[in-house]
N, C-alpha and C. Protein backbone atom coordinates (compact mmCIF):
# COMPACT_ATOMS: atom_id res chain seq x y z
N CYS A 1 -55.47 25.38 -65.83
CA CYS A 1 -54.98 26.60 -65.19
C CYS A 1 -55.62 26.79 -63.82
N CYS A 2 -56.94 26.52 -63.76
CA CYS A 2 -57.63 26.70 -62.48
C CYS A 2 -57.10 25.75 -61.42
N LEU A 3 -56.88 24.49 -61.79
CA LEU A 3 -56.35 23.52 -60.83
C LEU A 3 -54.95 23.90 -60.38
N LEU A 4 -54.12 24.37 -61.30
CA LEU A 4 -52.78 24.80 -60.96
C LEU A 4 -52.82 25.99 -60.01
N THR A 5 -53.71 26.93 -60.24
CA THR A 5 -53.85 28.09 -59.38
C THR A 5 -54.28 27.68 -57.99
N LEU A 6 -55.26 26.77 -57.88
CA LEU A 6 -55.70 26.29 -56.57
C LEU A 6 -54.58 25.57 -55.84
N PHE A 7 -53.82 24.74 -56.56
CA PHE A 7 -52.73 24.00 -55.94
C PHE A 7 -51.65 24.94 -55.42
N LEU A 8 -51.26 25.92 -56.24
CA LEU A 8 -50.22 26.85 -55.82
C LEU A 8 -50.67 27.73 -54.67
N SER A 9 -51.93 28.11 -54.63
CA SER A 9 -52.41 28.92 -53.51
C SER A 9 -52.44 28.10 -52.23
N ALA A 10 -52.78 26.82 -52.33
CA ALA A 10 -52.77 25.96 -51.15
C ALA A 10 -51.36 25.74 -50.64
N VAL A 11 -50.40 25.60 -51.55
CA VAL A 11 -49.01 25.44 -51.13
C VAL A 11 -48.50 26.72 -50.49
N GLY A 12 -48.90 27.85 -51.02
CA GLY A 12 -48.47 29.13 -50.46
C GLY A 12 -49.02 29.39 -49.08
N GLU A 13 -50.18 28.82 -48.75
CA GLU A 13 -50.78 29.03 -47.45
C GLU A 13 -50.30 28.03 -46.40
N ALA A 14 -49.50 27.07 -46.82
CA ALA A 14 -49.03 26.07 -45.87
C ALA A 14 -48.21 26.75 -44.78
N SER A 15 -48.48 26.37 -43.54
CA SER A 15 -47.79 27.02 -42.44
C SER A 15 -46.50 26.28 -42.11
N ASP A 16 -45.73 26.88 -41.24
CA ASP A 16 -44.43 26.33 -40.88
C ASP A 16 -44.46 25.67 -39.51
N GLU A 17 -45.61 25.15 -39.10
CA GLU A 17 -45.66 24.53 -37.79
C GLU A 17 -44.75 23.31 -37.75
N ARG A 18 -44.13 23.12 -36.59
CA ARG A 18 -43.21 22.00 -36.45
C ARG A 18 -43.00 21.71 -34.97
N ILE A 19 -42.42 20.55 -34.71
CA ILE A 19 -42.04 20.16 -33.36
C ILE A 19 -40.59 20.56 -33.16
N ALA A 20 -40.30 21.23 -32.05
CA ALA A 20 -38.93 21.67 -31.76
C ALA A 20 -38.58 21.32 -30.32
N ASN A 21 -37.31 21.47 -30.00
CA ASN A 21 -36.79 21.25 -28.65
C ASN A 21 -37.17 19.87 -28.11
N LEU A 22 -37.05 18.86 -28.95
CA LEU A 22 -37.35 17.49 -28.53
C LEU A 22 -36.20 16.98 -27.66
N VAL A 23 -36.51 16.75 -26.38
CA VAL A 23 -35.51 16.32 -25.41
C VAL A 23 -35.98 15.02 -24.79
N ILE A 24 -35.09 14.03 -24.77
CA ILE A 24 -35.40 12.73 -24.19
C ILE A 24 -34.50 12.53 -22.97
N GLN A 25 -35.12 12.10 -21.87
CA GLN A 25 -34.37 11.80 -20.65
C GLN A 25 -34.58 10.33 -20.31
N ILE A 26 -33.50 9.67 -20.00
CA ILE A 26 -33.59 8.29 -19.53
C ILE A 26 -33.16 8.29 -18.07
N THR A 27 -34.12 8.00 -17.19
CA THR A 27 -33.83 7.91 -15.76
C THR A 27 -33.55 6.44 -15.43
N ASN A 28 -33.43 6.14 -14.17
CA ASN A 28 -33.20 4.75 -13.76
C ASN A 28 -34.38 3.85 -14.08
N THR A 29 -35.58 4.44 -14.19
CA THR A 29 -36.78 3.62 -14.38
C THR A 29 -37.58 3.96 -15.63
N ASP A 30 -37.50 5.21 -16.12
CA ASP A 30 -38.41 5.67 -17.17
C ASP A 30 -37.68 6.32 -18.34
N ILE A 31 -38.39 6.36 -19.48
CA ILE A 31 -37.98 7.14 -20.64
C ILE A 31 -38.98 8.30 -20.74
N LEU A 32 -38.50 9.53 -20.66
CA LEU A 32 -39.35 10.72 -20.64
C LEU A 32 -39.08 11.59 -21.87
N ALA A 33 -40.13 12.20 -22.40
CA ALA A 33 -40.00 13.07 -23.58
C ALA A 33 -40.60 14.44 -23.29
N SER A 34 -39.94 15.46 -23.82
CA SER A 34 -40.43 16.84 -23.76
C SER A 34 -40.26 17.47 -25.14
N ALA A 35 -41.19 18.33 -25.53
CA ALA A 35 -41.12 18.98 -26.85
C ALA A 35 -42.02 20.20 -26.87
N ASN A 36 -41.82 21.05 -27.88
CA ASN A 36 -42.64 22.25 -28.08
C ASN A 36 -43.21 22.25 -29.49
N LEU A 37 -44.42 22.76 -29.62
CA LEU A 37 -45.05 23.00 -30.92
C LEU A 37 -44.77 24.44 -31.29
N ILE A 38 -44.13 24.65 -32.44
CA ILE A 38 -43.77 25.99 -32.90
C ILE A 38 -44.73 26.41 -34.01
N ARG A 39 -45.24 27.64 -33.91
CA ARG A 39 -46.16 28.22 -34.90
C ARG A 39 -47.37 27.31 -35.16
N GLY A 40 -47.99 26.85 -34.08
CA GLY A 40 -49.09 25.91 -34.20
C GLY A 40 -50.46 26.55 -34.34
N PHE A 41 -50.55 27.86 -34.20
CA PHE A 41 -51.84 28.54 -34.24
C PHE A 41 -51.87 29.55 -35.38
N SER A 42 -52.70 29.28 -36.37
CA SER A 42 -52.91 30.27 -37.43
C SER A 42 -53.90 31.32 -36.92
N ARG A 43 -54.05 32.36 -37.66
CA ARG A 43 -54.98 33.43 -37.27
C ARG A 43 -56.42 32.90 -37.21
N THR A 44 -56.79 32.05 -38.18
CA THR A 44 -58.16 31.52 -38.18
C THR A 44 -58.38 30.56 -37.01
N THR A 45 -57.35 29.80 -36.64
CA THR A 45 -57.48 28.90 -35.49
C THR A 45 -57.68 29.72 -34.22
N GLU A 46 -56.91 30.78 -34.06
CA GLU A 46 -57.06 31.63 -32.89
C GLU A 46 -58.45 32.26 -32.84
N GLU A 47 -58.95 32.73 -34.00
CA GLU A 47 -60.28 33.32 -34.05
C GLU A 47 -61.36 32.29 -33.72
N ASP A 48 -61.20 31.07 -34.24
CA ASP A 48 -62.17 30.01 -33.94
C ASP A 48 -62.23 29.73 -32.45
N ILE A 49 -61.07 29.62 -31.81
CA ILE A 49 -61.04 29.37 -30.36
C ILE A 49 -61.69 30.53 -29.62
N GLN A 50 -61.38 31.77 -30.01
CA GLN A 50 -61.97 32.95 -29.36
C GLN A 50 -63.48 33.01 -29.55
N ASN A 51 -63.99 32.40 -30.63
CA ASN A 51 -65.43 32.38 -30.89
C ASN A 51 -66.13 31.19 -30.25
N GLY A 52 -65.39 30.39 -29.48
CA GLY A 52 -66.02 29.29 -28.74
C GLY A 52 -66.04 27.96 -29.45
N ILE A 53 -65.34 27.82 -30.57
CA ILE A 53 -65.30 26.54 -31.28
C ILE A 53 -64.24 25.67 -30.61
N PRO A 54 -64.62 24.51 -30.06
CA PRO A 54 -63.62 23.65 -29.40
C PRO A 54 -62.64 23.07 -30.41
N LYS A 55 -61.40 22.92 -29.97
CA LYS A 55 -60.34 22.36 -30.82
C LYS A 55 -59.65 21.23 -30.06
N ASP A 56 -59.23 20.21 -30.81
CA ASP A 56 -58.46 19.10 -30.27
C ASP A 56 -57.05 19.16 -30.85
N LEU A 57 -56.05 19.05 -29.97
CA LEU A 57 -54.66 18.99 -30.39
C LEU A 57 -54.10 17.66 -29.93
N PHE A 58 -53.61 16.87 -30.87
CA PHE A 58 -53.07 15.55 -30.58
C PHE A 58 -51.56 15.57 -30.75
N TYR A 59 -50.86 14.97 -29.80
CA TYR A 59 -49.43 14.70 -29.94
C TYR A 59 -49.29 13.18 -30.02
N TYR A 60 -48.60 12.73 -31.04
CA TYR A 60 -48.33 11.30 -31.20
C TYR A 60 -46.84 11.08 -30.94
N LEU A 61 -46.54 10.17 -30.02
CA LEU A 61 -45.16 9.86 -29.67
C LEU A 61 -44.91 8.38 -29.92
N LEU A 62 -43.84 8.07 -30.64
CA LEU A 62 -43.50 6.69 -30.98
C LEU A 62 -42.08 6.38 -30.53
N LEU A 63 -41.91 5.27 -29.82
CA LEU A 63 -40.59 4.75 -29.52
C LEU A 63 -40.27 3.72 -30.60
N LYS A 64 -39.17 3.95 -31.34
CA LYS A 64 -38.82 3.08 -32.45
C LYS A 64 -37.44 2.48 -32.24
N ARG A 65 -37.29 1.25 -32.73
CA ARG A 65 -36.00 0.55 -32.70
C ARG A 65 -35.44 0.52 -34.11
N ARG A 66 -34.20 0.97 -34.25
CA ARG A 66 -33.57 0.96 -35.58
C ARG A 66 -33.23 -0.45 -35.99
N GLN A 67 -33.51 -0.73 -37.27
CA GLN A 67 -33.17 -2.03 -37.84
C GLN A 67 -32.40 -1.78 -39.13
N PRO A 68 -31.17 -2.25 -39.19
CA PRO A 68 -30.40 -2.01 -40.41
C PRO A 68 -31.01 -2.74 -41.60
N LEU A 69 -31.00 -2.06 -42.73
CA LEU A 69 -31.47 -2.61 -44.01
C LEU A 69 -32.95 -2.98 -43.99
N TRP A 70 -33.73 -2.38 -43.10
CA TRP A 70 -35.16 -2.65 -43.04
C TRP A 70 -35.85 -1.47 -42.38
N PHE A 71 -37.19 -1.47 -42.37
CA PHE A 71 -37.94 -0.40 -41.72
C PHE A 71 -37.74 -0.47 -40.21
N ASP A 72 -37.72 0.69 -39.57
CA ASP A 72 -37.59 0.73 -38.12
C ASP A 72 -38.86 0.19 -37.46
N GLU A 73 -38.68 -0.50 -36.36
CA GLU A 73 -39.80 -1.14 -35.66
C GLU A 73 -40.41 -0.18 -34.64
N GLU A 74 -41.73 -0.02 -34.69
CA GLU A 74 -42.44 0.78 -33.68
C GLU A 74 -42.65 -0.09 -32.45
N MET A 75 -42.05 0.32 -31.36
CA MET A 75 -42.13 -0.46 -30.12
C MET A 75 -43.35 -0.05 -29.28
N ILE A 76 -43.47 1.25 -29.02
CA ILE A 76 -44.52 1.76 -28.15
C ILE A 76 -45.03 3.07 -28.72
N SER A 77 -46.34 3.29 -28.63
CA SER A 77 -46.91 4.57 -29.06
C SER A 77 -47.75 5.16 -27.93
N LYS A 78 -47.72 6.47 -27.84
CA LYS A 78 -48.51 7.22 -26.86
C LYS A 78 -49.21 8.35 -27.59
N THR A 79 -50.40 8.68 -27.14
CA THR A 79 -51.14 9.82 -27.68
C THR A 79 -51.53 10.74 -26.54
N ILE A 80 -51.25 12.01 -26.71
CA ILE A 80 -51.68 13.04 -25.76
C ILE A 80 -52.71 13.88 -26.48
N LYS A 81 -53.86 14.07 -25.85
CA LYS A 81 -54.93 14.85 -26.47
C LYS A 81 -55.27 16.04 -25.58
N TYR A 82 -55.14 17.23 -26.15
CA TYR A 82 -55.58 18.46 -25.49
C TYR A 82 -56.87 18.91 -26.16
N THR A 83 -57.87 19.24 -25.37
CA THR A 83 -59.10 19.83 -25.88
C THR A 83 -59.23 21.23 -25.27
N VAL A 84 -59.43 22.22 -26.13
CA VAL A 84 -59.55 23.61 -25.70
C VAL A 84 -60.96 24.09 -25.99
N LYS A 85 -61.63 24.60 -24.95
CA LYS A 85 -62.96 25.20 -25.11
C LYS A 85 -62.93 26.57 -24.45
N TYR A 86 -63.43 27.56 -25.17
CA TYR A 86 -63.51 28.91 -24.61
C TYR A 86 -64.94 29.20 -24.23
N ASP A 87 -65.16 29.58 -22.98
CA ASP A 87 -66.48 29.95 -22.49
C ASP A 87 -66.64 31.46 -22.70
N LEU A 88 -67.52 31.83 -23.63
CA LEU A 88 -67.70 33.23 -23.98
C LEU A 88 -68.29 34.06 -22.84
N LEU A 89 -69.12 33.44 -21.99
CA LEU A 89 -69.73 34.19 -20.89
C LEU A 89 -68.75 34.42 -19.75
N LYS A 90 -68.00 33.39 -19.37
CA LYS A 90 -67.04 33.51 -18.27
C LYS A 90 -65.70 34.06 -18.72
N LYS A 91 -65.46 34.07 -20.04
CA LYS A 91 -64.20 34.51 -20.62
C LYS A 91 -63.03 33.72 -20.04
N GLN A 92 -63.20 32.38 -20.09
CA GLN A 92 -62.19 31.46 -19.59
C GLN A 92 -61.97 30.33 -20.58
N TYR A 93 -60.76 29.81 -20.58
CA TYR A 93 -60.40 28.67 -21.42
C TYR A 93 -60.37 27.43 -20.54
N LEU A 94 -61.09 26.41 -20.95
CA LEU A 94 -61.04 25.12 -20.28
C LEU A 94 -60.16 24.21 -21.13
N VAL A 95 -59.03 23.78 -20.56
CA VAL A 95 -58.08 22.91 -21.25
C VAL A 95 -58.13 21.55 -20.58
N THR A 96 -58.45 20.52 -21.37
CA THR A 96 -58.51 19.15 -20.88
C THR A 96 -57.38 18.37 -21.53
N ARG A 97 -56.58 17.69 -20.69
CA ARG A 97 -55.46 16.89 -21.18
C ARG A 97 -55.74 15.42 -20.86
N ARG A 98 -55.65 14.58 -21.91
CA ARG A 98 -55.86 13.14 -21.74
C ARG A 98 -54.60 12.41 -22.16
N ILE A 99 -54.08 11.59 -21.23
CA ILE A 99 -52.93 10.76 -21.53
C ILE A 99 -52.98 9.52 -20.65
N ASN A 100 -52.84 8.37 -21.28
CA ASN A 100 -52.83 7.08 -20.56
C ASN A 100 -54.05 6.90 -19.66
N GLY A 101 -55.21 7.35 -20.09
CA GLY A 101 -56.42 7.19 -19.30
C GLY A 101 -56.58 8.21 -18.19
N THR A 102 -55.61 9.09 -18.01
CA THR A 102 -55.68 10.13 -16.99
C THR A 102 -56.18 11.41 -17.62
N ILE A 103 -57.14 12.04 -16.95
CA ILE A 103 -57.71 13.30 -17.45
C ILE A 103 -57.38 14.41 -16.45
N GLN A 104 -56.80 15.50 -16.97
CA GLN A 104 -56.51 16.68 -16.16
C GLN A 104 -57.18 17.87 -16.80
N GLN A 105 -57.80 18.70 -15.97
CA GLN A 105 -58.45 19.91 -16.49
C GLN A 105 -57.85 21.13 -15.81
N GLU A 106 -57.75 22.20 -16.60
CA GLU A 106 -57.23 23.45 -16.08
C GLU A 106 -58.03 24.59 -16.70
N VAL A 107 -58.34 25.59 -15.88
CA VAL A 107 -59.08 26.76 -16.34
C VAL A 107 -58.11 27.94 -16.38
N LEU A 108 -58.03 28.60 -17.53
CA LEU A 108 -57.13 29.73 -17.71
C LEU A 108 -57.92 30.91 -18.24
N GLU A 109 -57.48 32.11 -17.88
CA GLU A 109 -58.16 33.31 -18.36
C GLU A 109 -57.38 34.03 -19.45
N ASP A 110 -56.10 33.70 -19.60
CA ASP A 110 -55.24 34.37 -20.55
C ASP A 110 -55.02 33.49 -21.78
N PHE A 111 -55.19 34.06 -22.97
CA PHE A 111 -55.02 33.30 -24.21
C PHE A 111 -53.59 32.81 -24.38
N MET A 112 -52.62 33.67 -24.07
CA MET A 112 -51.21 33.28 -24.24
C MET A 112 -50.83 32.16 -23.28
N ALA A 113 -51.36 32.17 -22.07
CA ALA A 113 -51.08 31.09 -21.11
C ALA A 113 -51.66 29.77 -21.62
N MET A 114 -52.86 29.82 -22.18
CA MET A 114 -53.47 28.62 -22.76
C MET A 114 -52.64 28.12 -23.92
N LYS A 115 -52.20 29.01 -24.76
CA LYS A 115 -51.40 28.64 -25.93
C LYS A 115 -50.08 28.00 -25.50
N ARG A 116 -49.42 28.57 -24.48
CA ARG A 116 -48.18 27.98 -23.97
C ARG A 116 -48.42 26.59 -23.38
N LEU A 117 -49.54 26.44 -22.69
CA LEU A 117 -49.85 25.16 -22.04
C LEU A 117 -50.01 24.04 -23.06
N ILE A 118 -50.79 24.28 -24.10
CA ILE A 118 -51.04 23.18 -25.04
C ILE A 118 -49.96 23.06 -26.11
N SER A 119 -49.04 24.01 -26.16
CA SER A 119 -47.95 23.93 -27.13
C SER A 119 -46.71 23.24 -26.55
N THR A 120 -46.83 22.71 -25.34
CA THR A 120 -45.68 22.11 -24.68
C THR A 120 -46.06 20.77 -24.07
N ILE A 121 -45.21 19.78 -24.27
CA ILE A 121 -45.33 18.54 -23.50
C ILE A 121 -44.07 18.41 -22.66
N ASN A 122 -44.24 18.15 -21.37
CA ASN A 122 -43.12 18.10 -20.45
C ASN A 122 -43.04 16.75 -19.76
N ASN A 123 -41.90 16.10 -19.89
CA ASN A 123 -41.59 14.87 -19.18
C ASN A 123 -42.73 13.84 -19.23
N VAL A 124 -43.17 13.55 -20.43
CA VAL A 124 -44.20 12.53 -20.62
C VAL A 124 -43.52 11.17 -20.62
N LYS A 125 -44.03 10.27 -19.80
CA LYS A 125 -43.44 8.93 -19.72
C LYS A 125 -43.82 8.15 -20.98
N ILE A 126 -42.79 7.71 -21.70
CA ILE A 126 -43.01 6.92 -22.91
C ILE A 126 -43.04 5.44 -22.56
N ALA A 127 -42.08 4.99 -21.76
CA ALA A 127 -41.99 3.57 -21.41
C ALA A 127 -41.06 3.39 -20.24
N ASP A 128 -41.03 2.18 -19.72
CA ASP A 128 -40.05 1.80 -18.72
C ASP A 128 -38.73 1.52 -19.42
N VAL A 129 -37.64 1.73 -18.72
CA VAL A 129 -36.32 1.51 -19.29
C VAL A 129 -36.10 0.04 -19.65
N HIS A 130 -36.76 -0.86 -18.94
CA HIS A 130 -36.52 -2.29 -19.18
C HIS A 130 -36.96 -2.78 -20.57
N VAL A 131 -37.70 -1.96 -21.33
CA VAL A 131 -38.09 -2.37 -22.69
C VAL A 131 -36.93 -2.22 -23.68
N LEU A 132 -35.89 -1.48 -23.28
CA LEU A 132 -34.73 -1.28 -24.15
C LEU A 132 -33.77 -2.45 -24.02
N ASN A 133 -33.22 -2.85 -25.16
CA ASN A 133 -32.22 -3.90 -25.21
C ASN A 133 -30.84 -3.24 -25.26
N ASP A 134 -29.86 -3.83 -24.60
CA ASP A 134 -28.51 -3.25 -24.54
C ASP A 134 -27.86 -3.08 -25.91
N LYS A 135 -28.14 -3.95 -26.85
CA LYS A 135 -27.44 -3.96 -28.13
C LYS A 135 -28.12 -3.13 -29.21
N ASP A 136 -29.33 -2.65 -28.97
CA ASP A 136 -30.09 -1.96 -30.01
C ASP A 136 -30.03 -0.44 -29.85
N THR A 137 -30.34 0.24 -30.95
CA THR A 137 -30.43 1.70 -30.97
C THR A 137 -31.89 2.08 -31.13
N TYR A 138 -32.33 3.09 -30.37
CA TYR A 138 -33.73 3.52 -30.37
C TYR A 138 -33.79 5.02 -30.62
N TYR A 139 -34.96 5.50 -30.96
CA TYR A 139 -35.23 6.94 -31.04
C TYR A 139 -36.73 7.16 -30.86
N ILE A 140 -37.09 8.40 -30.60
CA ILE A 140 -38.50 8.75 -30.40
C ILE A 140 -38.90 9.75 -31.47
N SER A 141 -40.06 9.51 -32.09
CA SER A 141 -40.63 10.41 -33.10
C SER A 141 -41.87 11.07 -32.50
N VAL A 142 -42.04 12.36 -32.80
CA VAL A 142 -43.17 13.13 -32.28
C VAL A 142 -43.82 13.89 -33.42
N LYS A 143 -45.16 13.93 -33.40
CA LYS A 143 -45.95 14.63 -34.41
C LYS A 143 -47.14 15.28 -33.71
N ALA A 144 -47.62 16.41 -34.25
CA ALA A 144 -48.79 17.09 -33.70
C ALA A 144 -49.83 17.31 -34.80
N GLU A 145 -51.11 17.17 -34.43
CA GLU A 145 -52.23 17.46 -35.33
C GLU A 145 -53.32 18.17 -34.55
N MET A 146 -53.93 19.17 -35.18
CA MET A 146 -55.05 19.88 -34.56
C MET A 146 -56.23 19.88 -35.51
N LYS A 147 -57.41 19.68 -34.93
CA LYS A 147 -58.63 19.74 -35.73
C LYS A 147 -59.78 20.19 -34.85
N ALA A 148 -60.85 20.62 -35.50
CA ALA A 148 -62.06 20.99 -34.76
C ALA A 148 -62.67 19.73 -34.18
N THR A 149 -63.24 19.83 -32.98
CA THR A 149 -63.79 18.63 -32.36
C THR A 149 -65.02 18.14 -33.09
N LYS A 150 -65.81 19.02 -33.65
CA LYS A 150 -67.03 18.62 -34.34
C LYS A 150 -67.29 19.60 -35.47
N LEU A 151 -67.57 19.07 -36.65
CA LEU A 151 -67.92 19.92 -37.77
C LEU A 151 -69.35 20.41 -37.62
N PRO A 152 -69.64 21.64 -38.02
CA PRO A 152 -70.99 22.18 -37.85
C PRO A 152 -71.99 21.62 -38.87
N LEU A 153 -73.25 21.64 -38.48
CA LEU A 153 -74.38 21.35 -39.36
C LEU A 153 -74.26 20.02 -40.11
N TYR A 154 -73.89 18.98 -39.42
CA TYR A 154 -73.82 17.64 -39.97
C TYR A 154 -72.89 17.50 -41.17
N LEU A 155 -71.93 18.40 -41.29
CA LEU A 155 -70.97 18.29 -42.39
C LEU A 155 -70.08 17.06 -42.24
N ASP A 156 -69.93 16.58 -41.00
CA ASP A 156 -69.09 15.39 -40.80
C ASP A 156 -69.71 14.16 -41.46
N TYR A 157 -71.03 14.14 -41.65
CA TYR A 157 -71.65 13.01 -42.33
C TYR A 157 -71.39 13.02 -43.83
N PHE A 158 -71.32 14.22 -44.40
CA PHE A 158 -71.13 14.34 -45.84
C PHE A 158 -69.66 14.41 -46.24
N LEU A 159 -68.82 14.90 -45.35
CA LEU A 159 -67.41 15.09 -45.67
C LEU A 159 -66.51 14.17 -44.85
N PHE A 160 -67.00 12.98 -44.52
CA PHE A 160 -66.24 12.07 -43.67
C PHE A 160 -64.93 11.61 -44.30
N PHE A 161 -64.82 11.69 -45.62
CA PHE A 161 -63.64 11.20 -46.32
C PHE A 161 -62.56 12.27 -46.48
N ILE A 162 -62.82 13.50 -46.06
CA ILE A 162 -61.86 14.59 -46.20
C ILE A 162 -61.30 14.92 -44.82
N PRO A 163 -60.01 14.70 -44.59
CA PRO A 163 -59.44 15.07 -43.30
C PRO A 163 -59.29 16.59 -43.22
N ILE A 164 -59.80 17.15 -42.17
CA ILE A 164 -59.74 18.60 -41.99
C ILE A 164 -58.79 18.87 -40.83
N LEU A 165 -57.52 19.06 -41.14
CA LEU A 165 -56.51 19.32 -40.13
C LEU A 165 -56.07 20.77 -40.22
N GLU A 166 -56.02 21.43 -39.08
CA GLU A 166 -55.55 22.80 -39.05
C GLU A 166 -54.05 22.86 -38.77
N VAL A 167 -53.55 21.87 -38.05
CA VAL A 167 -52.13 21.73 -37.79
C VAL A 167 -51.75 20.30 -38.13
N ASP A 168 -50.70 20.16 -38.89
CA ASP A 168 -50.20 18.83 -39.23
C ASP A 168 -48.69 18.95 -39.40
N THR A 169 -47.96 18.68 -38.34
CA THR A 169 -46.51 18.84 -38.37
C THR A 169 -45.85 17.61 -38.98
N PRO A 170 -44.67 17.77 -39.52
CA PRO A 170 -43.90 16.58 -39.92
C PRO A 170 -43.37 15.89 -38.67
N TRP A 171 -42.99 14.64 -38.81
CA TRP A 171 -42.42 13.89 -37.70
C TRP A 171 -41.07 14.49 -37.32
N ALA A 172 -40.85 14.63 -36.03
CA ALA A 172 -39.56 15.07 -35.49
C ALA A 172 -38.94 13.88 -34.76
N ASP A 173 -37.69 13.59 -35.08
CA ASP A 173 -36.99 12.46 -34.47
C ASP A 173 -35.96 12.94 -33.47
N SER A 174 -35.84 12.19 -32.38
CA SER A 174 -34.85 12.52 -31.35
C SER A 174 -33.49 11.99 -31.75
N ALA A 175 -32.51 12.31 -30.96
CA ALA A 175 -31.18 11.73 -31.12
C ALA A 175 -31.26 10.25 -30.74
N PRO A 176 -30.32 9.45 -31.18
CA PRO A 176 -30.36 8.01 -30.84
C PRO A 176 -30.32 7.78 -29.33
N LEU A 177 -31.05 6.76 -28.89
CA LEU A 177 -31.11 6.38 -27.47
C LEU A 177 -30.45 5.02 -27.28
N TYR A 178 -29.78 4.89 -26.17
CA TYR A 178 -29.14 3.63 -25.83
C TYR A 178 -29.44 3.34 -24.37
N LYS A 179 -29.55 2.08 -24.03
CA LYS A 179 -29.75 1.70 -22.64
C LYS A 179 -28.46 1.91 -21.88
N LYS A 180 -28.56 2.49 -20.69
CA LYS A 180 -27.36 2.77 -19.88
C LYS A 180 -26.81 1.51 -19.29
């Protein structure tokens, strides 16, 4: 009974975070992806950020080629990492974005502006168009995960086998892509 109660309470607390508005653009040279994270911040996550606990938000993007009667092939993967730190003395949010070895930092004073910034990816280059074959069908999958950057009091040494994710969206797939 106790295990059933714990399981049902955990299922009841599951959030509805998801990836939405996944838009893919194919230009003459690049494949670009844009998407939004919906309901990505629980009340405890917001409180943790306001209390100065740094958080990492990862977006995983995969370019896949469809293969009939077999698993789809992963062609290219990209990871975007946002790190959010709130400075309690200055009352500012430092947002660091890492993608393809490029680091961008932005300082924001408004919580909602910070939330909008890290909940959106805009025109991220996935690959060059030349990786697409004329005869194949492709699509892009996107997923988001958020976790604390560091567990307190050496808990990461004792609990290394337990993934502690605050946001874990299901994969969102784009419409089929074809080379022009």
